[in-house]
Protein backbone atom coordinates (compact mmCIF):
# COMPACT_ATOMS: atom_id res chain seq x y z
CA MET A 1 110.68 74.86 66.93
CA ASN A 2 110.23 74.88 70.71
CA LEU A 3 107.38 77.33 71.35
CA ARG A 4 107.60 76.93 75.13
CA ASN A 5 110.79 78.98 75.20
CA PHE A 6 109.20 81.91 73.36
CA HIS A 7 109.16 85.35 74.94
CA ALA A 8 107.99 88.73 73.60
CA PRO A 9 108.87 90.30 71.23
CA LEU A 10 108.32 87.44 68.82
CA THR A 11 109.90 87.05 65.40
CA GLU A 12 107.63 86.87 62.36
CA ALA A 13 108.27 83.12 62.12
CA GLU A 14 107.26 82.65 65.75
CA VAL A 15 104.11 84.75 65.27
CA ASP A 16 103.15 82.68 62.23
CA GLU A 17 103.73 79.41 64.08
CA ILE A 18 101.58 80.38 67.07
CA TYR A 19 98.98 81.90 64.74
CA GLN A 20 98.37 78.49 63.18
CA LEU A 21 97.35 77.16 66.61
CA LEU A 22 94.59 79.74 67.13
CA THR A 23 90.92 78.96 66.71
CA PRO A 24 89.08 80.96 64.01
CA LYS A 25 87.39 82.90 66.81
CA GLN A 26 90.71 83.83 68.42
CA ARG A 27 92.34 84.68 65.07
CA GLN A 28 89.44 86.96 64.17
CA TYR A 29 89.76 88.82 67.45
CA ILE A 30 93.56 89.21 67.24
CA ASP A 31 93.26 90.63 63.69
CA ALA A 32 90.54 93.07 64.76
CA PHE A 33 92.48 94.01 67.91
CA THR A 34 95.62 94.85 65.91
CA LYS A 35 93.72 96.83 63.26
CA ARG A 36 91.66 98.74 65.84
CA SER A 37 94.68 99.48 68.03
CA LYS A 38 96.75 100.84 65.13
CA LYS A 39 93.95 103.12 64.01
CA SER A 40 93.50 104.41 67.58
CA LYS A 41 97.25 104.96 68.01
CA TRP A 42 97.43 106.89 64.71
CA LEU A 43 94.58 109.20 65.79
CA GLU A 44 95.96 109.54 69.31
CA VAL A 45 99.36 110.76 68.05
CA LEU A 46 97.75 113.28 65.69
CA ALA A 47 95.39 114.48 68.40
CA LEU A 48 98.21 115.04 70.90
CA LYS A 49 100.23 116.98 68.29
CA LYS A 50 97.19 119.22 67.71
CA GLY A 51 96.77 119.82 71.46
CA ILE A 52 93.56 117.78 71.69
CA ILE A 53 93.00 116.17 75.08
CA VAL A 54 92.60 112.40 74.66
CA THR A 55 90.60 110.49 77.31
CA GLU A 56 89.98 106.76 77.82
CA GLU A 57 86.29 107.28 77.06
CA MET A 58 86.93 108.54 73.50
CA ASP A 59 86.44 105.90 70.77
CA THR A 60 88.04 106.00 67.30
CA GLU A 61 85.05 107.80 65.76
CA GLN A 62 85.21 110.59 68.34
CA LEU A 63 88.98 110.85 67.88
CA ALA A 64 88.64 111.00 64.10
CA GLU A 65 86.03 113.74 64.43
CA ALA A 66 88.30 115.73 66.76
CA VAL A 67 91.42 115.32 64.58
CA ASP A 68 89.53 116.07 61.31
CA ASP A 69 92.59 115.24 59.22
CA TRP A 70 94.31 112.12 57.87
CA VAL A 71 92.78 108.92 59.25
CA LEU A 72 94.33 105.47 59.02
CA VAL A 73 91.84 102.99 57.55
CA GLU A 74 93.98 99.86 57.55
CA ILE A 75 97.50 98.49 57.10
CA LEU A 76 97.72 95.48 54.81
CA ASP A 77 100.58 92.97 55.15
CA GLY A 78 101.40 90.75 52.19
CA GLY A 79 103.48 88.42 54.34
CA ARG A 80 107.15 87.54 54.44
CA GLY A 81 108.82 87.67 51.02
CA ASN A 82 105.65 88.93 49.26
CA ARG A 83 104.92 92.34 47.70
CA PRO A 84 101.37 91.99 46.36
CA PHE A 85 100.26 95.59 46.88
CA ARG A 86 100.89 98.81 44.96
CA CYS A 87 101.62 102.36 46.12
CA GLU A 88 100.03 105.36 44.43
CA CYS A 89 103.47 105.91 42.86
CA GLY A 90 103.41 102.43 41.32
CA MET A 91 105.96 100.72 43.61
CA SER A 92 105.17 97.16 44.71
CA LEU A 93 104.64 96.83 48.47
CA ARG A 94 104.54 94.31 51.25
CA TYR A 95 102.95 96.84 53.65
CA GLN A 96 100.24 99.10 52.27
CA TYR A 97 98.90 102.03 54.31
CA ILE A 98 95.31 102.87 53.38
CA VAL A 99 94.59 106.42 54.58
CA THR A 100 91.68 108.83 54.12
CA HIS A 101 91.70 112.62 54.24
CA LYS A 102 88.45 113.63 55.92
CA LYS A 103 88.22 117.15 54.47
CA GLN A 104 89.07 116.04 50.92
CA ASN A 105 87.08 112.79 51.32
CA LYS A 106 89.81 110.96 49.38
CA THR A 107 91.47 107.61 50.11
CA TYR A 108 95.06 106.78 49.25
CA LYS A 109 97.00 103.51 49.22
CA LEU A 110 100.62 104.23 50.11
CA GLY A 111 103.92 102.69 51.02
CA GLU A 112 105.97 103.92 53.98
CA THR A 113 108.02 106.30 51.79
CA CYS A 114 105.07 107.99 50.10
CA LEU A 115 103.11 108.09 53.37
CA GLU A 116 105.10 111.10 54.53
CA ASN A 117 105.02 112.81 51.10
CA TYR A 118 101.24 112.52 50.62
CA THR A 119 100.11 113.28 54.15
CA HIS A 120 102.72 115.99 54.85
CA LEU A 121 102.93 114.64 58.39
CA THR A 122 106.24 115.57 59.98
CA PRO A 123 108.97 112.94 60.42
CA GLU A 124 108.49 113.34 64.18
CA ILE A 125 104.79 112.40 63.93
CA ILE A 126 105.54 109.45 61.63
CA ARG A 127 108.22 108.28 64.09
CA ASP A 128 105.80 108.51 67.05
CA ILE A 129 103.18 106.57 65.10
CA ARG A 130 105.67 103.79 64.33
CA LYS A 131 106.69 103.64 67.99
CA GLY A 132 103.03 103.22 68.87
CA PHE A 133 102.69 100.42 66.31
CA HIS A 134 105.70 98.67 67.90
CA THR A 135 103.94 98.76 71.27
CA ILE A 136 100.81 97.29 69.69
CA HIS A 137 102.87 94.44 68.22
CA LEU A 138 104.30 93.74 71.68
CA GLU A 139 100.77 93.57 73.11
CA ARG A 140 99.71 91.24 70.28
CA ASP A 141 102.72 89.03 71.06
CA GLU A 142 101.78 88.98 74.73
CA LEU A 143 98.27 87.81 73.84
CA LEU A 144 99.62 85.12 71.52
CA LEU A 145 101.95 83.81 74.22
CA LYS A 146 99.20 83.81 76.84
CA ILE A 147 96.91 81.87 74.50
CA TYR A 148 99.65 79.34 73.69
CA ARG A 149 100.43 78.79 77.37
CA GLY A 150 96.75 78.15 78.05
CA GLU A 151 96.26 81.17 80.32
CA LYS A 152 92.70 82.16 81.17
CA THR A 153 91.31 85.26 82.84
CA ASP A 154 88.99 84.53 85.76
CA ILE A 155 86.94 87.68 86.35
CA LYS A 156 85.47 86.30 89.60
CA GLU A 157 88.31 87.96 91.53
CA PHE A 158 87.04 91.34 90.28
CA ALA A 159 83.49 90.90 91.55
CA GLY A 160 82.11 94.18 92.82
CA ILE A 161 83.70 96.49 90.24
CA GLU A 162 82.57 97.44 86.76
CA ILE A 163 84.52 95.65 84.03
CA PRO A 164 84.82 97.52 80.69
CA PRO A 165 82.70 95.94 77.90
CA SER A 166 85.80 95.63 75.68
CA TYR A 167 87.45 93.45 78.36
CA LEU A 168 84.39 91.20 78.54
CA GLU A 169 84.31 90.89 74.75
CA GLN A 170 87.98 89.92 74.77
CA ILE A 171 87.37 87.17 77.34
CA GLU A 172 84.31 85.92 75.42
CA HIS A 173 86.60 85.35 72.41
CA ASP A 174 88.81 83.08 74.58
CA ILE A 175 91.50 85.78 74.73
CA PRO A 176 93.10 86.38 78.18
CA LEU A 177 93.58 89.95 79.32
CA LEU A 178 96.91 91.75 78.96
CA ASP A 179 98.97 92.32 82.10
CA LYS A 180 98.25 96.06 81.90
CA GLN A 181 94.51 95.35 81.67
CA LEU A 182 94.66 93.08 84.71
CA GLN A 183 96.60 95.73 86.63
CA LYS A 184 94.00 98.35 85.79
CA LEU A 185 91.26 96.09 87.20
CA ARG A 186 93.33 95.38 90.33
CA ASP A 187 93.84 99.12 90.84
CA ARG A 188 90.09 99.70 90.59
CA LEU A 189 89.38 96.86 92.99
CA HIS A 190 91.96 98.18 95.48
CA ALA A 191 90.50 101.70 95.26
CA LYS A 192 87.00 100.36 95.92
CA ARG A 193 88.15 98.32 98.92
CA MET A 194 90.02 101.28 100.37
CA GLU A 195 86.92 103.44 99.96
CA GLU A 196 84.81 100.84 101.76
CA LEU A 197 87.43 100.52 104.51
CA GLN A 198 87.48 104.28 105.01
CA LYS A 199 83.70 104.26 105.38
CA GLN A 200 83.93 101.46 107.96
CA HIS A 201 86.61 103.34 109.89
CA GLN A 202 84.54 106.51 109.84
CA ALA A 203 81.48 104.65 111.08
CA GLU A 204 83.55 103.01 113.83
CA ARG A 205 85.01 106.36 114.89
CA GLU A 206 81.52 107.84 115.06
CA ARG A 207 80.35 104.86 117.14
CA LEU A 208 83.25 105.20 119.56
CA LYS A 209 82.70 108.96 119.85
CA GLU A 210 79.08 108.31 120.73
CA ILE A 211 80.07 105.69 123.32
CA PHE A 212 82.61 108.07 124.84
CA TYR A 213 80.07 110.91 124.91
CA GLN A 214 77.43 108.75 126.59
CA SER A 215 79.97 107.44 129.10
CA ARG A 216 81.03 110.98 130.00
CA GLN A 217 77.39 112.02 130.36
CA ARG A 218 76.72 109.11 132.76
CA ARG A 219 79.87 109.91 134.76
CA GLN A 220 78.93 113.55 135.08
CA HIS A 221 75.44 112.55 136.12
CA ARG A 222 76.83 110.22 138.83
CA GLN A 223 79.22 112.92 140.06
CA HIS A 224 76.32 115.36 140.25
CA ARG A 225 74.33 112.90 142.34
CA VAL A 226 77.28 112.27 144.66
CA SER A 227 77.78 116.00 145.19
CA LYS A 228 74.27 116.19 146.59
CA SER A 229 74.65 113.11 148.82
CA TYR A 230 77.88 113.91 150.72
CA THR A 231 78.76 116.70 153.08
CA ALA A 232 81.02 119.54 152.01
CA PRO A 233 83.98 118.50 154.26
CA TYR A 234 84.04 114.99 152.76
CA TYR A 235 83.84 116.30 149.19
CA SER A 236 86.72 118.67 149.89
CA TYR A 237 88.80 115.72 151.02
CA HIS A 238 87.70 113.61 148.01
CA SER A 239 88.72 116.40 145.60
CA SER A 240 92.11 116.93 147.25
CA THR A 241 93.01 113.27 146.90
CA LYS A 242 92.50 113.50 143.10
CA THR A 243 91.01 110.05 142.70
CA GLN A 244 88.80 110.67 139.66
CA PRO A 245 88.17 107.33 137.90
CA HIS A 246 89.99 108.22 134.67
CA LEU A 247 93.19 109.13 136.57
CA CYS A 248 93.43 106.19 138.95
CA ILE A 249 96.11 104.19 137.15
CA SER A 250 99.88 104.27 137.46
CA TYR A 251 102.49 104.20 134.71
CA GLU A 252 103.39 100.63 135.64
CA GLU A 253 99.75 99.54 135.37
CA LEU A 254 99.39 101.33 132.05
CA ILE A 255 102.40 99.54 130.59
CA GLU A 256 101.36 96.17 132.02
CA ARG A 257 97.93 96.44 130.40
CA HIS A 258 98.86 97.92 127.03
CA LEU A 259 102.54 97.22 126.27
CA ARG A 260 101.72 94.49 123.76
CA GLU A 261 99.28 96.75 121.87
CA LEU A 262 101.74 99.67 121.85
CA LYS A 263 104.47 97.43 120.43
CA GLN A 264 102.16 96.16 117.68
CA ILE A 265 101.22 99.71 116.70
CA ARG A 266 104.89 100.73 116.69
CA ALA A 267 105.66 97.83 114.31
CA LYS A 268 102.95 99.00 111.91
CA GLU A 269 103.60 102.72 112.37
CA GLU A 270 104.05 103.40 108.66
CA LEU A 271 100.56 101.97 107.94
CA ILE A 272 98.75 104.42 110.23
CA PRO A 273 96.23 106.43 108.13
CA ALA A 274 97.09 110.13 107.78
CA GLY A 275 93.99 111.16 109.74
CA LEU A 276 95.05 109.11 112.79
CA ARG A 277 98.74 110.03 113.04
CA LYS A 278 98.00 112.84 115.52
CA ASP A 279 96.20 110.27 117.69
CA TRP A 280 99.39 108.17 117.78
CA ASP A 281 101.42 111.25 118.79
CA THR A 282 98.91 111.96 121.59
CA ILE A 283 99.10 108.36 122.84
CA GLN A 284 102.90 108.62 123.09
CA ASP A 285 102.61 111.97 124.91
CA ILE A 286 100.24 110.37 127.46
CA VAL A 287 102.67 107.48 128.07
CA ARG A 288 105.55 109.93 128.63
CA ALA A 289 103.37 111.99 131.01
CA ALA A 290 102.47 108.86 132.98
CA LYS A 291 106.14 107.95 133.24
CA ARG A 292 106.84 111.42 134.70
CA ARG A 293 104.11 110.67 137.28
CA GLU A 294 101.89 113.39 135.82
CA GLU A 295 98.11 113.11 135.73
CA PHE A 296 96.63 111.84 132.47
CA ASP A 297 93.25 110.96 130.97
CA TYR A 298 93.19 107.17 130.85
CA GLY A 299 89.76 107.12 129.17
CA ARG A 300 91.06 109.24 126.30
CA PHE A 301 94.15 107.00 126.04
CA LYS A 302 92.00 103.89 125.58
CA LEU A 303 89.73 105.61 123.03
CA LEU A 304 92.65 106.74 120.88
CA LEU A 305 94.26 103.30 121.20
CA ASN A 306 91.09 101.58 119.96
CA ASN A 307 90.84 104.02 117.04
CA LEU A 308 94.32 102.93 115.90
CA LYS A 309 93.80 99.21 116.44
CA ILE A 310 90.87 99.04 114.01
CA PRO A 311 92.62 100.13 110.75
CA LEU A 312 95.82 98.31 111.76
CA ARG A 313 93.83 95.12 112.49
CA ILE A 314 95.28 94.64 115.94
CA GLN A 315 93.28 92.41 118.26
């Protein structure tokens, strides 16, 4: 049989064939993973039907305590073509459900038919449980295929975030992580990087605000000194010519200096953070005002432009 063409879900024959290739350490983990997952899924379905809120932090013991009802202990599989187990009703079984009633403190060994009769769980709940078991089998198949293909999980790429102990235990048993587990770690890593980037942007905005404030203070101080040095007639003429430093630039000069930057921002417009979109609107208003030959604050234009270039990584 050509195992390299396998894909989930696997047939029983395919599972058995790959299973023979596992090390004892890997086989032990896969068995424990399947048993633990089925017990958790059983309790999760019952908890949801009872209106109990299930969180990722809750382990099977906490779930069992919250459900306080029928708890799945284990499902035994006699293997293909074998029926070595017995139901409480006496029927021979391949699959045997071992369940405990917490209040009665009694354990029963049941087949699928008697499972519903003894537990009085509704057909809907039994159906949801079986759907959950199917998902667990798919995850087991994914692990088996990853092991066969020689896949390994390198946790170095997730440096800087906390990795759940269960993930580390899985890797220590030479079992690669599931795709959904890897995605969860990538989501956490992305969230952490975005948080750090936001802090950097905030610090940069505060730095630029301080630079702008200090620059304005120096300009006002210079203007105050000039007002004391020149005669009133000259200052009247200076004011009428409207040649303040932040206004002395034409539309053509503005475009010549900053067209390339404006085009780059326009190309990345959809990546502008929500908190800076008003700045982009203001920049465009200033450009339109300059084109109409209206006065504009060139210093403010450059400050807003720099604020946008940082998160968009424009040089």
